[in-house]
Amino acid sequence: MSGIAHLLIGMGHHVSGSDRNTSDETSSRMHRLGLTSFSTNAVRNAELVVYSSAIGVTNAERVEAETLGIRCVLRAECLAAIMECKKGVVLISGTHGKTTASAMSVHVIRGGSSRRCHR
């Protein structure tokens, strides 16, 4: 979710979030980017709630959002919407070999004249 938050912040959106378990490194990085943490009460100010498939229907933030009529979307739907407005994006996914495939792709792209970014 921090990756999606990073993309949304980079697109100029105000992003806040909550997580039951987060590392100090992730929290520090996200706060530097402009993400603010919140309690369930802050859902009232949201236009959209993005949740992962691991979040059940009884999650407090989801319940609050749905009660208030705030649109809730799965993480995958949000990522699809973000990627829909991007051009020239290469996505690498799967169970095994993502790091190797990513490194090989960057190597090939660096050999060309394309503008590239590896995060």
PDB file of N, CA and C in Angstrom:
ATOM      1  N   MET A   1       0.822  -1.189   0.000  1.00  0.00           N
ATOM      2  CA  MET A   1       0.000   0.000   0.000  1.00  0.00           C
ATOM      3  C   MET A   1       0.868   1.255   0.000  1.00  0.00           C
ATOM      4  N   SER A   2       2.060   1.191   0.613  1.00  0.00           N
ATOM      5  CA  SER A   2       2.902   2.384   0.643  1.00  0.00           C
ATOM      6  C   SER A   2       3.335   2.783  -0.763  1.00  0.00           C
ATOM      7  N   GLY A   3       3.496   1.809  -1.661  1.00  0.00           N
ATOM      8  CA  GLY A   3       3.852   2.114  -3.041  1.00  0.00           C
ATOM      9  C   GLY A   3       2.744   2.881  -3.744  1.00  0.00           C
ATOM     10  N   ILE A   4       1.499   2.476  -3.533  1.00  0.00           N
ATOM     11  CA  ILE A   4       0.358   3.180  -4.125  1.00  0.00           C
ATOM     12  C   ILE A   4       0.242   4.572  -3.511  1.00  0.00           C
ATOM     13  N   ALA A   5       0.438   4.672  -2.206  1.00  0.00           N
ATOM     14  CA  ALA A   5       0.396   5.985  -1.552  1.00  0.00           C
ATOM     15  C   ALA A   5       1.451   6.907  -2.153  1.00  0.00           C
ATOM     16  N   HIS A   6       2.642   6.372  -2.373  1.00  0.00           N
ATOM     17  CA  HIS A   6       3.731   7.145  -2.975  1.00  0.00           C
ATOM     18  C   HIS A   6       3.317   7.651  -4.361  1.00  0.00           C
ATOM     19  N   LEU A   7       2.746   6.788  -5.185  1.00  0.00           N
ATOM     20  CA  LEU A   7       2.291   7.192  -6.519  1.00  0.00           C
ATOM     21  C   LEU A   7       1.215   8.279  -6.440  1.00  0.00           C
ATOM     22  N   LEU A   8       0.246   8.104  -5.548  1.00  0.00           N
ATOM     23  CA  LEU A   8      -0.839   9.074  -5.425  1.00  0.00           C
ATOM     24  C   LEU A   8      -0.337  10.424  -4.926  1.00  0.00           C
ATOM     25  N   ILE A   9       0.584  10.409  -3.968  1.00  0.00           N
ATOM     26  CA  ILE A   9       1.176  11.662  -3.486  1.00  0.00           C
ATOM     27  C   ILE A   9       1.915  12.350  -4.629  1.00  0.00           C
ATOM     28  N   GLY A  10       2.651  11.564  -5.418  1.00  0.00           N
ATOM     29  CA  GLY A  10       3.376  12.107  -6.561  1.00  0.00           C
ATOM     30  C   GLY A  10       2.450  12.701  -7.616  1.00  0.00           C
ATOM     31  N   MET A  11       1.219  12.238  -7.660  1.00  0.00           N
ATOM     32  CA  MET A  11       0.228  12.757  -8.605  1.00  0.00           C
ATOM     33  C   MET A  11      -0.504  13.973  -8.042  1.00  0.00           C
ATOM     34  N   GLY A  12      -0.159  14.371  -6.800  1.00  0.00           N
ATOM     35  CA  GLY A  12      -0.749  15.559  -6.201  1.00  0.00           C
ATOM     36  C   GLY A  12      -1.931  15.315  -5.287  1.00  0.00           C
ATOM     37  N   HIS A  13      -2.228  14.051  -4.987  1.00  0.00           N
ATOM     38  CA  HIS A  13      -3.355  13.746  -4.099  1.00  0.00           C
ATOM     39  C   HIS A  13      -2.927  13.842  -2.638  1.00  0.00           C
ATOM     40  N   HIS A  14      -3.858  14.218  -1.788  1.00  0.00           N
ATOM     41  CA  HIS A  14      -3.638  14.190  -0.342  1.00  0.00           C
ATOM     42  C   HIS A  14      -3.928  12.754   0.105  1.00  0.00           C
ATOM     43  N   VAL A  15      -2.981  12.139   0.775  1.00  0.00           N
ATOM     44  CA  VAL A  15      -3.120  10.730   1.160  1.00  0.00           C
ATOM     45  C   VAL A  15      -2.938  10.592   2.659  1.00  0.00           C
ATOM     46  N   SER A  16      -3.818   9.816   3.268  1.00  0.00           N
ATOM     47  CA  SER A  16      -3.669   9.442   4.670  1.00  0.00           C
ATOM     48  C   SER A  16      -3.929   7.958   4.756  1.00  0.00           C
ATOM     49  N   GLY A  17      -3.535   7.351   5.843  1.00  0.00           N
ATOM     50  CA  GLY A  17      -3.727   5.913   5.938  1.00  0.00           C
ATOM     51  C   GLY A  17      -3.530   5.382   7.339  1.00  0.00           C
ATOM     52  N   SER A  18      -3.852   4.143   7.500  1.00  0.00           N
ATOM     53  CA  SER A  18      -3.632   3.472   8.778  1.00  0.00           C
ATOM     54  C   SER A  18      -3.143   2.059   8.486  1.00  0.00           C
ATOM     55  N   ASP A  19      -2.380   1.542   9.410  1.00  0.00           N
ATOM     56  CA  ASP A  19      -1.859   0.191   9.255  1.00  0.00           C
ATOM     57  C   ASP A  19      -1.670  -0.412  10.638  1.00  0.00           C
ATOM     58  N   ARG A  20      -2.098  -1.620  10.774  1.00  0.00           N
ATOM     59  CA  ARG A  20      -1.948  -2.309  12.056  1.00  0.00           C
ATOM     60  C   ARG A  20      -0.474  -2.557  12.347  1.00  0.00           C
ATOM     61  N   ASN A  21       0.288  -2.936  11.330  1.00  0.00           N
ATOM     62  CA  ASN A  21       1.720  -3.212  11.480  1.00  0.00           C
ATOM     63  C   ASN A  21       2.493  -2.438  10.428  1.00  0.00           C
ATOM     64  N   THR A  22       3.372  -1.565  10.866  1.00  0.00           N
ATOM     65  CA  THR A  22       4.212  -0.832   9.923  1.00  0.00           C
ATOM     66  C   THR A  22       5.602  -0.655  10.525  1.00  0.00           C
ATOM     67  N   SER A  23       6.593  -0.569   9.675  1.00  0.00           N
ATOM     68  CA  SER A  23       7.954  -0.385  10.155  1.00  0.00           C
ATOM     69  C   SER A  23       8.238   1.098  10.346  1.00  0.00           C
ATOM     70  N   ASP A  24       9.212   1.416  11.213  1.00  0.00           N
ATOM     71  CA  ASP A  24       9.605   2.808  11.412  1.00  0.00           C
ATOM     72  C   ASP A  24      10.130   3.403  10.115  1.00  0.00           C
ATOM     73  N   GLU A  25      10.836   2.586   9.328  1.00  0.00           N
ATOM     74  CA  GLU A  25      11.387   3.059   8.060  1.00  0.00           C
ATOM     75  C   GLU A  25      10.265   3.478   7.101  1.00  0.00           C
ATOM     76  N   THR A  26       9.254   2.636   6.954  1.00  0.00           N
ATOM     77  CA  THR A  26       8.134   2.963   6.068  1.00  0.00           C
ATOM     78  C   THR A  26       7.397   4.190   6.571  1.00  0.00           C
ATOM     79  N   SER A  27       7.133   4.257   7.875  1.00  0.00           N
ATOM     80  CA  SER A  27       6.434   5.412   8.445  1.00  0.00           C
ATOM     81  C   SER A  27       7.206   6.694   8.196  1.00  0.00           C
ATOM     82  N   SER A  28       8.509   6.685   8.449  1.00  0.00           N
ATOM     83  CA  SER A  28       9.338   7.877   8.250  1.00  0.00           C
ATOM     84  C   SER A  28       9.341   8.298   6.790  1.00  0.00           C
ATOM     85  N   ARG A  29       9.511   7.337   5.895  1.00  0.00           N
ATOM     86  CA  ARG A  29       9.549   7.641   4.457  1.00  0.00           C
ATOM     87  C   ARG A  29       8.229   8.231   3.994  1.00  0.00           C
ATOM     88  N   MET A  30       7.126   7.653   4.425  1.00  0.00           N
ATOM     89  CA  MET A  30       5.823   8.124   3.989  1.00  0.00           C
ATOM     90  C   MET A  30       5.503   9.506   4.570  1.00  0.00           C
ATOM     91  N   HIS A  31       5.897   9.755   5.812  1.00  0.00           N
ATOM     92  CA  HIS A  31       5.664  11.080   6.399  1.00  0.00           C
ATOM     93  C   HIS A  31       6.472  12.143   5.660  1.00  0.00           C
ATOM     94  N   ARG A  32       7.703  11.812   5.258  1.00  0.00           N
ATOM     95  CA  ARG A  32       8.525  12.759   4.489  1.00  0.00           C
ATOM     96  C   ARG A  32       7.866  13.092   3.153  1.00  0.00           C
ATOM     97  N   LEU A  33       7.153  12.127   2.578  1.00  0.00           N
ATOM     98  CA  LEU A  33       6.467  12.356   1.297  1.00  0.00           C
ATOM     99  C   LEU A  33       5.167  13.143   1.461  1.00  0.00           C
ATOM    100  N   GLY A  34       4.641  13.183   2.677  1.00  0.00           N
ATOM    101  CA  GLY A  34       3.409  13.931   2.909  1.00  0.00           C
ATOM    102  C   GLY A  34       2.233  13.099   3.373  1.00  0.00           C
ATOM    103  N   LEU A  35       2.408  11.802   3.604  1.00  0.00           N
ATOM    104  CA  LEU A  35       1.315  10.968   4.089  1.00  0.00           C
ATOM    105  C   LEU A  35       1.064  11.254   5.563  1.00  0.00           C
ATOM    106  N   THR A  36      -0.200  11.318   5.936  1.00  0.00           N
ATOM    107  CA  THR A  36      -0.550  11.502   7.337  1.00  0.00           C
ATOM    108  C   THR A  36      -1.298  10.270   7.825  1.00  0.00           C
ATOM    109  N   SER A  37      -0.999   9.841   9.019  1.00  0.00           N
ATOM    110  CA  SER A  37      -1.727   8.716   9.607  1.00  0.00           C
ATOM    111  C   SER A  37      -3.025   9.245  10.190  1.00  0.00           C
ATOM    112  N   PHE A  38      -3.936   8.349  10.491  1.00  0.00           N
ATOM    113  CA  PHE A  38      -5.205   8.801  11.033  1.00  0.00           C
ATOM    114  C   PHE A  38      -5.889   7.709  11.830  1.00  0.00           C
ATOM    115  N   SER A  39      -6.938   8.126  12.510  1.00  0.00           N
ATOM    116  CA  SER A  39      -7.812   7.177  13.190  1.00  0.00           C
ATOM    117  C   SER A  39      -9.056   7.004  12.323  1.00  0.00           C
ATOM    118  N   THR A  40      -9.942   6.159  12.743  1.00  0.00           N
ATOM    119  CA  THR A  40     -11.169   5.900  11.989  1.00  0.00           C
ATOM    120  C   THR A  40     -11.961   7.183  11.738  1.00  0.00           C
ATOM    121  N   ASN A  41     -11.908   8.127  12.657  1.00  0.00           N
ATOM    122  CA  ASN A  41     -12.663   9.373  12.511  1.00  0.00           C
ATOM    123  C   ASN A  41     -12.261  10.161  11.272  1.00  0.00           C
ATOM    124  N   ALA A  42     -11.011  10.059  10.841  1.00  0.00           N
ATOM    125  CA  ALA A  42     -10.529  10.827   9.693  1.00  0.00           C
ATOM    126  C   ALA A  42     -11.104  10.308   8.381  1.00  0.00           C
ATOM    127  N   VAL A  43     -11.693   9.130   8.368  1.00  0.00           N
ATOM    128  CA  VAL A  43     -12.305   8.602   7.151  1.00  0.00           C
ATOM    129  C   VAL A  43     -13.407   9.555   6.684  1.00  0.00           C
ATOM    130  N   ARG A  44     -14.000  10.280   7.601  1.00  0.00           N
ATOM    131  CA  ARG A  44     -15.088  11.219   7.271  1.00  0.00           C
ATOM    132  C   ARG A  44     -14.661  12.243   6.221  1.00  0.00           C
ATOM    133  N   ASN A  45     -13.383  12.576   6.165  1.00  0.00           N
ATOM    134  CA  ASN A  45     -12.884  13.581   5.220  1.00  0.00           C
ATOM    135  C   ASN A  45     -12.399  12.974   3.909  1.00  0.00           C
ATOM    136  N   ALA A  46     -12.489  11.675   3.762  1.00  0.00           N
ATOM    137  CA  ALA A  46     -11.954  11.005   2.568  1.00  0.00           C
ATOM    138  C   ALA A  46     -12.952  11.054   1.412  1.00  0.00           C
ATOM    139  N   GLU A  47     -12.405  11.082   0.205  1.00  0.00           N
ATOM    140  CA  GLU A  47     -13.224  10.967  -0.996  1.00  0.00           C
ATOM    141  C   GLU A  47     -13.250   9.530  -1.485  1.00  0.00           C
ATOM    142  N   LEU A  48     -12.222   8.779  -1.100  1.00  0.00           N
ATOM    143  CA  LEU A  48     -12.059   7.401  -1.564  1.00  0.00           C
ATOM    144  C   LEU A  48     -11.281   6.619  -0.512  1.00  0.00           C
ATOM    145  N   VAL A  49     -11.667   5.382  -0.291  1.00  0.00           N
ATOM    146  CA  VAL A  49     -10.930   4.499   0.602  1.00  0.00           C
ATOM    147  C   VAL A  49     -10.411   3.333  -0.227  1.00  0.00           C
ATOM    148  N   VAL A  50      -9.098   3.100  -0.140  1.00  0.00           N
ATOM    149  CA  VAL A  50      -8.457   1.998  -0.856  1.00  0.00           C
ATOM    150  C   VAL A  50      -8.050   0.968   0.188  1.00  0.00           C
ATOM    151  N   TYR A  51      -8.397  -0.281  -0.056  1.00  0.00           N
ATOM    152  CA  TYR A  51      -8.083  -1.329   0.905  1.00  0.00           C
ATOM    153  C   TYR A  51      -7.534  -2.547   0.176  1.00  0.00           C
ATOM    154  N   SER A  52      -6.769  -3.347   0.897  1.00  0.00           N
ATOM    155  CA  SER A  52      -6.226  -4.574   0.298  1.00  0.00           C
ATOM    156  C   SER A  52      -7.211  -5.718   0.508  1.00  0.00           C
ATOM    157  N   SER A  53      -6.993  -6.791  -0.222  1.00  0.00           N
ATOM    158  CA  SER A  53      -7.880  -7.950  -0.108  1.00  0.00           C
ATOM    159  C   SER A  53      -7.763  -8.613   1.260  1.00  0.00           C
ATOM    160  N   ALA A  54      -6.740  -8.250   2.028  1.00  0.00           N
ATOM    161  CA  ALA A  54      -6.577  -8.800   3.372  1.00  0.00           C
ATOM    162  C   ALA A  54      -7.490  -8.103   4.386  1.00  0.00           C
ATOM    163  N   ILE A  55      -8.092  -6.998   3.989  1.00  0.00           N
ATOM    164  CA  ILE A  55      -8.956  -6.229   4.894  1.00  0.00           C
ATOM    165  C   ILE A  55     -10.391  -6.727   4.768  1.00  0.00           C
ATOM    166  N   GLY A  56     -10.923  -7.200   5.868  1.00  0.00           N
ATOM    167  CA  GLY A  56     -12.272  -7.769   5.868  1.00  0.00           C
ATOM    168  C   GLY A  56     -13.364  -6.721   5.914  1.00  0.00           C
ATOM    169  N   VAL A  57     -14.569  -7.153   5.696  1.00  0.00           N
ATOM    170  CA  VAL A  57     -15.724  -6.248   5.673  1.00  0.00           C
ATOM    171  C   VAL A  57     -16.032  -5.665   7.047  1.00  0.00           C
ATOM    172  N   THR A  58     -15.481  -6.228   8.110  1.00  0.00           N
ATOM    173  CA  THR A  58     -15.724  -5.713   9.455  1.00  0.00           C
ATOM    174  C   THR A  58     -14.646  -4.734   9.904  1.00  0.00           C
ATOM    175  N   ASN A  59     -13.666  -4.424   9.053  1.00  0.00           N
ATOM    176  CA  ASN A  59     -12.623  -3.456   9.378  1.00  0.00           C
ATOM    177  C   ASN A  59     -13.273  -2.111   9.709  1.00  0.00           C
ATOM    178  N   ALA A  60     -12.823  -1.481  10.790  1.00  0.00           N
ATOM    179  CA  ALA A  60     -13.450  -0.247  11.278  1.00  0.00           C
ATOM    180  C   ALA A  60     -13.466   0.866  10.235  1.00  0.00           C
ATOM    181  N   GLU A  61     -12.348   1.058   9.522  1.00  0.00           N
ATOM    182  CA  GLU A  61     -12.304   2.121   8.509  1.00  0.00           C
ATOM    183  C   GLU A  61     -13.252   1.830   7.347  1.00  0.00           C
ATOM    184  N   ARG A  62     -13.299   0.576   6.915  1.00  0.00           N
ATOM    185  CA  ARG A  62     -14.218   0.203   5.832  1.00  0.00           C
ATOM    186  C   ARG A  62     -15.669   0.390   6.239  1.00  0.00           C
ATOM    187  N   VAL A  63     -16.000  -0.043   7.437  1.00  0.00           N
ATOM    188  CA  VAL A  63     -17.368   0.092   7.938  1.00  0.00           C
ATOM    189  C   VAL A  63     -17.754   1.568   7.992  1.00  0.00           C
ATOM    190  N   GLU A  64     -16.849   2.391   8.526  1.00  0.00           N
ATOM    191  CA  GLU A  64     -17.126   3.828   8.630  1.00  0.00           C
ATOM    192  C   GLU A  64     -17.316   4.450   7.245  1.00  0.00           C
ATOM    193  N   ALA A  65     -16.437   4.110   6.311  1.00  0.00           N
ATOM    194  CA  ALA A  65     -16.532   4.658   4.954  1.00  0.00           C
ATOM    195  C   ALA A  65     -17.844   4.252   4.287  1.00  0.00           C
ATOM    196  N   GLU A  66     -18.186   2.987   4.392  1.00  0.00           N
ATOM    197  CA  GLU A  66     -19.413   2.511   3.744  1.00  0.00           C
ATOM    198  C   GLU A  66     -20.658   3.123   4.398  1.00  0.00           C
ATOM    199  N   THR A  67     -20.607   3.323   5.708  1.00  0.00           N
ATOM    200  CA  THR A  67     -21.717   3.965   6.419  1.00  0.00           C
ATOM    201  C   THR A  67     -21.917   5.392   5.922  1.00  0.00           C
ATOM    202  N   LEU A  68     -20.803   6.074   5.645  1.00  0.00           N
ATOM    203  CA  LEU A  68     -20.856   7.465   5.176  1.00  0.00           C
ATOM    204  C   LEU A  68     -21.060   7.575   3.664  1.00  0.00           C
ATOM    205  N   GLY A  69     -21.117   6.435   2.975  1.00  0.00           N
ATOM    206  CA  GLY A  69     -21.309   6.451   1.531  1.00  0.00           C
ATOM    207  C   GLY A  69     -20.057   6.806   0.747  1.00  0.00           C
ATOM    208  N   ILE A  70     -18.897   6.639   1.369  1.00  0.00           N
ATOM    209  CA  ILE A  70     -17.628   6.925   0.695  1.00  0.00           C
ATOM    210  C   ILE A  70     -17.241   5.708  -0.141  1.00  0.00           C
ATOM    211  N   ARG A  71     -16.863   5.943  -1.381  1.00  0.00           N
ATOM    212  CA  ARG A  71     -16.515   4.853  -2.289  1.00  0.00           C
ATOM    213  C   ARG A  71     -15.290   4.094  -1.759  1.00  0.00           C
ATOM    214  N   CYS A  72     -15.380   2.782  -1.772  1.00  0.00           N
ATOM    215  CA  CYS A  72     -14.289   1.905  -1.341  1.00  0.00           C
ATOM    216  C   CYS A  72     -13.861   1.048  -2.525  1.00  0.00           C
ATOM    217  N   VAL A  73     -12.549   0.983  -2.792  1.00  0.00           N
ATOM    218  CA  VAL A  73     -12.046   0.175  -3.902  1.00  0.00           C
ATOM    219  C   VAL A  73     -10.881  -0.683  -3.440  1.00  0.00           C
ATOM    220  N   LEU A  74     -10.762  -1.822  -4.068  1.00  0.00           N
ATOM    221  CA  LEU A  74      -9.621  -2.693  -3.796  1.00  0.00           C
ATOM    222  C   LEU A  74      -8.335  -2.053  -4.287  1.00  0.00           C
ATOM    223  N   ARG A  75      -7.247  -2.383  -3.635  1.00  0.00           N
ATOM    224  CA  ARG A  75      -5.923  -1.903  -3.998  1.00  0.00           C
ATOM    225  C   ARG A  75      -5.640  -2.126  -5.477  1.00  0.00           C
ATOM    226  N   ALA A  76      -5.993  -3.289  -6.000  1.00  0.00           N
ATOM    227  CA  ALA A  76      -5.748  -3.611  -7.410  1.00  0.00           C
ATOM    228  C   ALA A  76      -6.518  -2.666  -8.333  1.00  0.00           C
ATOM    229  N   GLU A  77      -7.741  -2.301  -7.955  1.00  0.00           N
ATOM    230  CA  GLU A  77      -8.524  -1.363  -8.764  1.00  0.00           C
ATOM    231  C   GLU A  77      -7.883   0.018  -8.774  1.00  0.00           C
ATOM    232  N   CYS A  78      -7.380   0.449  -7.629  1.00  0.00           N
ATOM    233  CA  CYS A  78      -6.719   1.747  -7.536  1.00  0.00           C
ATOM    234  C   CYS A  78      -5.458   1.751  -8.396  1.00  0.00           C
ATOM    235  N   LEU A  79      -4.665   0.695  -8.292  1.00  0.00           N
ATOM    236  CA  LEU A  79      -3.439   0.601  -9.092  1.00  0.00           C
ATOM    237  C   LEU A  79      -3.761   0.592 -10.580  1.00  0.00           C
ATOM    238  N   ALA A  80      -4.808  -0.105 -10.970  1.00  0.00           N
ATOM    239  CA  ALA A  80      -5.212  -0.134 -12.380  1.00  0.00           C
ATOM    240  C   ALA A  80      -5.588   1.268 -12.857  1.00  0.00           C
ATOM    241  N   ALA A  81      -6.292   2.028 -12.029  1.00  0.00           N
ATOM    242  CA  ALA A  81      -6.682   3.396 -12.394  1.00  0.00           C
ATOM    243  C   ALA A  81      -5.453   4.294 -12.526  1.00  0.00           C
ATOM    244  N   ILE A  82      -4.489   4.126 -11.625  1.00  0.00           N
ATOM    245  CA  ILE A  82      -3.249   4.916 -11.700  1.00  0.00           C
ATOM    246  C   ILE A  82      -2.497   4.583 -12.983  1.00  0.00           C
ATOM    247  N   MET A  83      -2.365   3.297 -13.273  1.00  0.00           N
ATOM    248  CA  MET A  83      -1.585   2.874 -14.440  1.00  0.00           C
ATOM    249  C   MET A  83      -2.273   3.216 -15.757  1.00  0.00           C
ATOM    250  N   GLU A  84      -3.589   3.356 -15.719  1.00  0.00           N
ATOM    251  CA  GLU A  84      -4.335   3.685 -16.933  1.00  0.00           C
ATOM    252  C   GLU A  84      -3.919   5.042 -17.497  1.00  0.00           C
ATOM    253  N   CYS A  85      -3.485   5.939 -16.616  1.00  0.00           N
ATOM    254  CA  CYS A  85      -3.099   7.272 -17.091  1.00  0.00           C
ATOM    255  C   CYS A  85      -1.594   7.392 -17.318  1.00  0.00           C
ATOM    256  N   LYS A  86      -0.876   6.303 -17.220  1.00  0.00           N
ATOM    257  CA  LYS A  86       0.573   6.292 -17.459  1.00  0.00           C
ATOM    258  C   LYS A  86       0.849   5.653 -18.808  1.00  0.00           C
ATOM    259  N   LYS A  87       1.891   6.124 -19.458  1.00  0.00           N
ATOM    260  CA  LYS A  87       2.296   5.532 -20.728  1.00  0.00           C
ATOM    261  C   LYS A  87       3.722   5.022 -20.596  1.00  0.00           C
ATOM    262  N   GLY A  88       4.021   3.926 -21.262  1.00  0.00           N
ATOM    263  CA  GLY A  88       5.376   3.395 -21.250  1.00  0.00           C
ATOM    264  C   GLY A  88       5.785   2.775 -19.930  1.00  0.00           C
ATOM    265  N   VAL A  89       4.834   2.222 -19.217  1.00  0.00           N
ATOM    266  CA  VAL A  89       5.114   1.611 -17.919  1.00  0.00           C
ATOM    267  C   VAL A  89       5.264   0.110 -18.103  1.00  0.00           C
ATOM    268  N   VAL A  90       6.290  -0.449 -17.506  1.00  0.00           N
ATOM    269  CA  VAL A  90       6.495  -1.894 -17.522  1.00  0.00           C
ATOM    270  C   VAL A  90       6.220  -2.408 -16.120  1.00  0.00           C
ATOM    271  N   LEU A  91       5.288  -3.344 -16.001  1.00  0.00           N
ATOM    272  CA  LEU A  91       4.982  -3.954 -14.716  1.00  0.00           C
ATOM    273  C   LEU A  91       5.483  -5.382 -14.710  1.00  0.00           C
ATOM    274  N   ILE A  92       6.158  -5.742 -13.646  1.00  0.00           N
ATOM    275  CA  ILE A  92       6.669  -7.100 -13.513  1.00  0.00           C
ATOM    276  C   ILE A  92       6.055  -7.686 -12.252  1.00  0.00           C
ATOM    277  N   SER A  93       5.354  -8.797 -12.414  1.00  0.00           N
ATOM    278  CA  SER A  93       4.704  -9.408 -11.262  1.00  0.00           C
ATOM    279  C   SER A  93       4.892 -10.913 -11.312  1.00  0.00           C
ATOM    280  N   GLY A  94       4.539 -11.551 -10.243  1.00  0.00           N
ATOM    281  CA  GLY A  94       4.636 -13.001 -10.183  1.00  0.00           C
ATOM    282  C   GLY A  94       5.100 -13.456  -8.820  1.00  0.00           C
ATOM    283  N   THR A  95       5.212 -14.737  -8.673  1.00  0.00           N
ATOM    284  CA  THR A  95       5.626 -15.308  -7.397  1.00  0.00           C
ATOM    285  C   THR A  95       7.145 -15.336  -7.246  1.00  0.00           C
ATOM    286  N   HIS A  96       7.836 -15.665  -8.313  1.00  0.00           N
ATOM    287  CA  HIS A  96       9.296 -15.784  -8.264  1.00  0.00           C
ATOM    288  C   HIS A  96       9.933 -15.005  -9.405  1.00  0.00           C
ATOM    289  N   GLY A  97      11.130 -14.469  -9.166  1.00  0.00           N
ATOM    290  CA  GLY A  97      11.934 -13.876 -10.227  1.00  0.00           C
ATOM    291  C   GLY A  97      11.681 -12.416 -10.530  1.00  0.00           C
ATOM    292  N   LYS A  98      10.895 -11.716  -9.689  1.00  0.00           N
ATOM    293  CA  LYS A  98      10.594 -10.310  -9.977  1.00  0.00           C
ATOM    294  C   LYS A  98      11.844  -9.440  -9.911  1.00  0.00           C
ATOM    295  N   THR A  99      12.689  -9.669  -8.930  1.00  0.00           N
ATOM    296  CA  THR A  99      13.903  -8.861  -8.790  1.00  0.00           C
ATOM    297  C   THR A  99      14.826  -9.081  -9.976  1.00  0.00           C
ATOM    298  N   THR A 100      15.011 -10.314 -10.372  1.00  0.00           N
ATOM    299  CA  THR A 100      15.869 -10.620 -11.517  1.00  0.00           C
ATOM    300  C   THR A 100      15.299 -10.024 -12.794  1.00  0.00           C
ATOM    301  N   ALA A 101      14.013 -10.206 -13.018  1.00  0.00           N
ATOM    302  CA  ALA A 101      13.378  -9.663 -14.226  1.00  0.00           C
ATOM    303  C   ALA A 101      13.433  -8.137 -14.231  1.00  0.00           C
ATOM    304  N   SER A 102      13.249  -7.513 -13.073  1.00  0.00           N
ATOM    305  CA  SER A 102      13.327  -6.050 -12.978  1.00  0.00           C
ATOM    306  C   SER A 102      14.734  -5.564 -13.299  1.00  0.00           C
ATOM    307  N   ALA A 103      15.739  -6.221 -12.721  1.00  0.00           N
ATOM    308  CA  ALA A 103      17.134  -5.835 -12.972  1.00  0.00           C
ATOM    309  C   ALA A 103      17.494  -5.999 -14.444  1.00  0.00           C
ATOM    310  N   MET A 104      17.055  -7.089 -15.044  1.00  0.00           N
ATOM    311  CA  MET A 104      17.344  -7.314 -16.462  1.00  0.00           C
ATOM    312  C   MET A 104      16.644  -6.272 -17.330  1.00  0.00           C
ATOM    313  N   SER A 105      15.421  -5.918 -16.979  1.00  0.00           N
ATOM    314  CA  SER A 105      14.681  -4.908 -17.742  1.00  0.00           C
ATOM    315  C   SER A 105      15.369  -3.550 -17.660  1.00  0.00           C
ATOM    316  N   VAL A 106      15.806  -3.171 -16.466  1.00  0.00           N
ATOM    317  CA  VAL A 106      16.510  -1.898 -16.298  1.00  0.00           C
ATOM    318  C   VAL A 106      17.795  -1.903 -17.111  1.00  0.00           C
ATOM    319  N   HIS A 107      18.504  -3.000 -17.109  1.00  0.00           N
ATOM    320  CA  HIS A 107      19.741  -3.116 -17.892  1.00  0.00           C
ATOM    321  C   HIS A 107      19.471  -2.873 -19.386  1.00  0.00           C
ATOM    322  N   VAL A 108      18.419  -3.482 -19.900  1.00  0.00           N
ATOM    323  CA  VAL A 108      18.066  -3.314 -21.321  1.00  0.00           C
ATOM    324  C   VAL A 108      17.643  -1.872 -21.595  1.00  0.00           C
ATOM    325  N   ILE A 109      16.823  -1.307 -20.715  1.00  0.00           N
ATOM    326  CA  ILE A 109      16.335   0.054 -20.917  1.00  0.00           C
ATOM    327  C   ILE A 109      17.481   1.060 -20.842  1.00  0.00           C
ATOM    328  N   ARG A 110      18.399   0.861 -19.919  1.00  0.00           N
ATOM    329  CA  ARG A 110      19.552   1.763 -19.801  1.00  0.00           C
ATOM    330  C   ARG A 110      20.412   1.739 -21.058  1.00  0.00           C
ATOM    331  N   GLY A 111      20.395   0.644 -21.765  1.00  0.00           N
ATOM    332  CA  GLY A 111      21.159   0.543 -23.017  1.00  0.00           C
ATOM    333  C   GLY A 111      20.532   1.340 -24.139  1.00  0.00           C
ATOM    334  N   GLY A 112      19.245   1.683 -23.993  1.00  0.00           N
ATOM    335  CA  GLY A 112      18.543   2.471 -25.013  1.00  0.00           C
ATOM    336  C   GLY A 112      18.532   3.928 -24.638  1.00  0.00           C
ATOM    337  N   SER A 113      17.715   4.692 -25.328  1.00  0.00           N
ATOM    338  CA  SER A 113      17.662   6.127 -25.076  1.00  0.00           C
ATOM    339  C   SER A 113      16.395   6.538 -24.348  1.00  0.00           C
ATOM    340  N   SER A 114      15.652   5.586 -23.818  1.00  0.00           N
ATOM    341  CA  SER A 114      14.393   5.895 -23.127  1.00  0.00           C
ATOM    342  C   SER A 114      14.664   6.540 -21.771  1.00  0.00           C
ATOM    343  N   ARG A 115      13.744   7.411 -21.372  1.00  0.00           N
ATOM    344  CA  ARG A 115      13.773   7.959 -20.018  1.00  0.00           C
ATOM    345  C   ARG A 115      13.332   6.836 -19.080  1.00  0.00           C
ATOM    346  N   ARG A 116      14.054   6.627 -18.026  1.00  0.00           N
ATOM    347  CA  ARG A 116      13.711   5.494 -17.178  1.00  0.00           C
ATOM    348  C   ARG A 116      13.749   5.870 -15.708  1.00  0.00           C
ATOM    349  N   CYS A 117      13.125   5.028 -14.918  1.00  0.00           N
ATOM    350  CA  CYS A 117      13.087   5.210 -13.472  1.00  0.00           C
ATOM    351  C   CYS A 117      13.000   3.820 -12.862  1.00  0.00           C
ATOM    352  N   HIS A 118      13.835   3.550 -11.898  1.00  0.00           N
ATOM    353  CA  HIS A 118      13.809   2.259 -11.218  1.00  0.00           C
ATOM    354  C   HIS A 118      13.650   2.529  -9.734  1.00  0.00           C
ATOM    355  N   ARG A 119      12.521   2.129  -9.139  1.00  0.00           N
ATOM    356  CA  ARG A 119      12.282   2.352  -7.705  1.00  0.00           C
ATOM    357  C   ARG A 119      12.107   1.043  -7.023  1.00  0.00           C
TER     358      ARG A 119
END
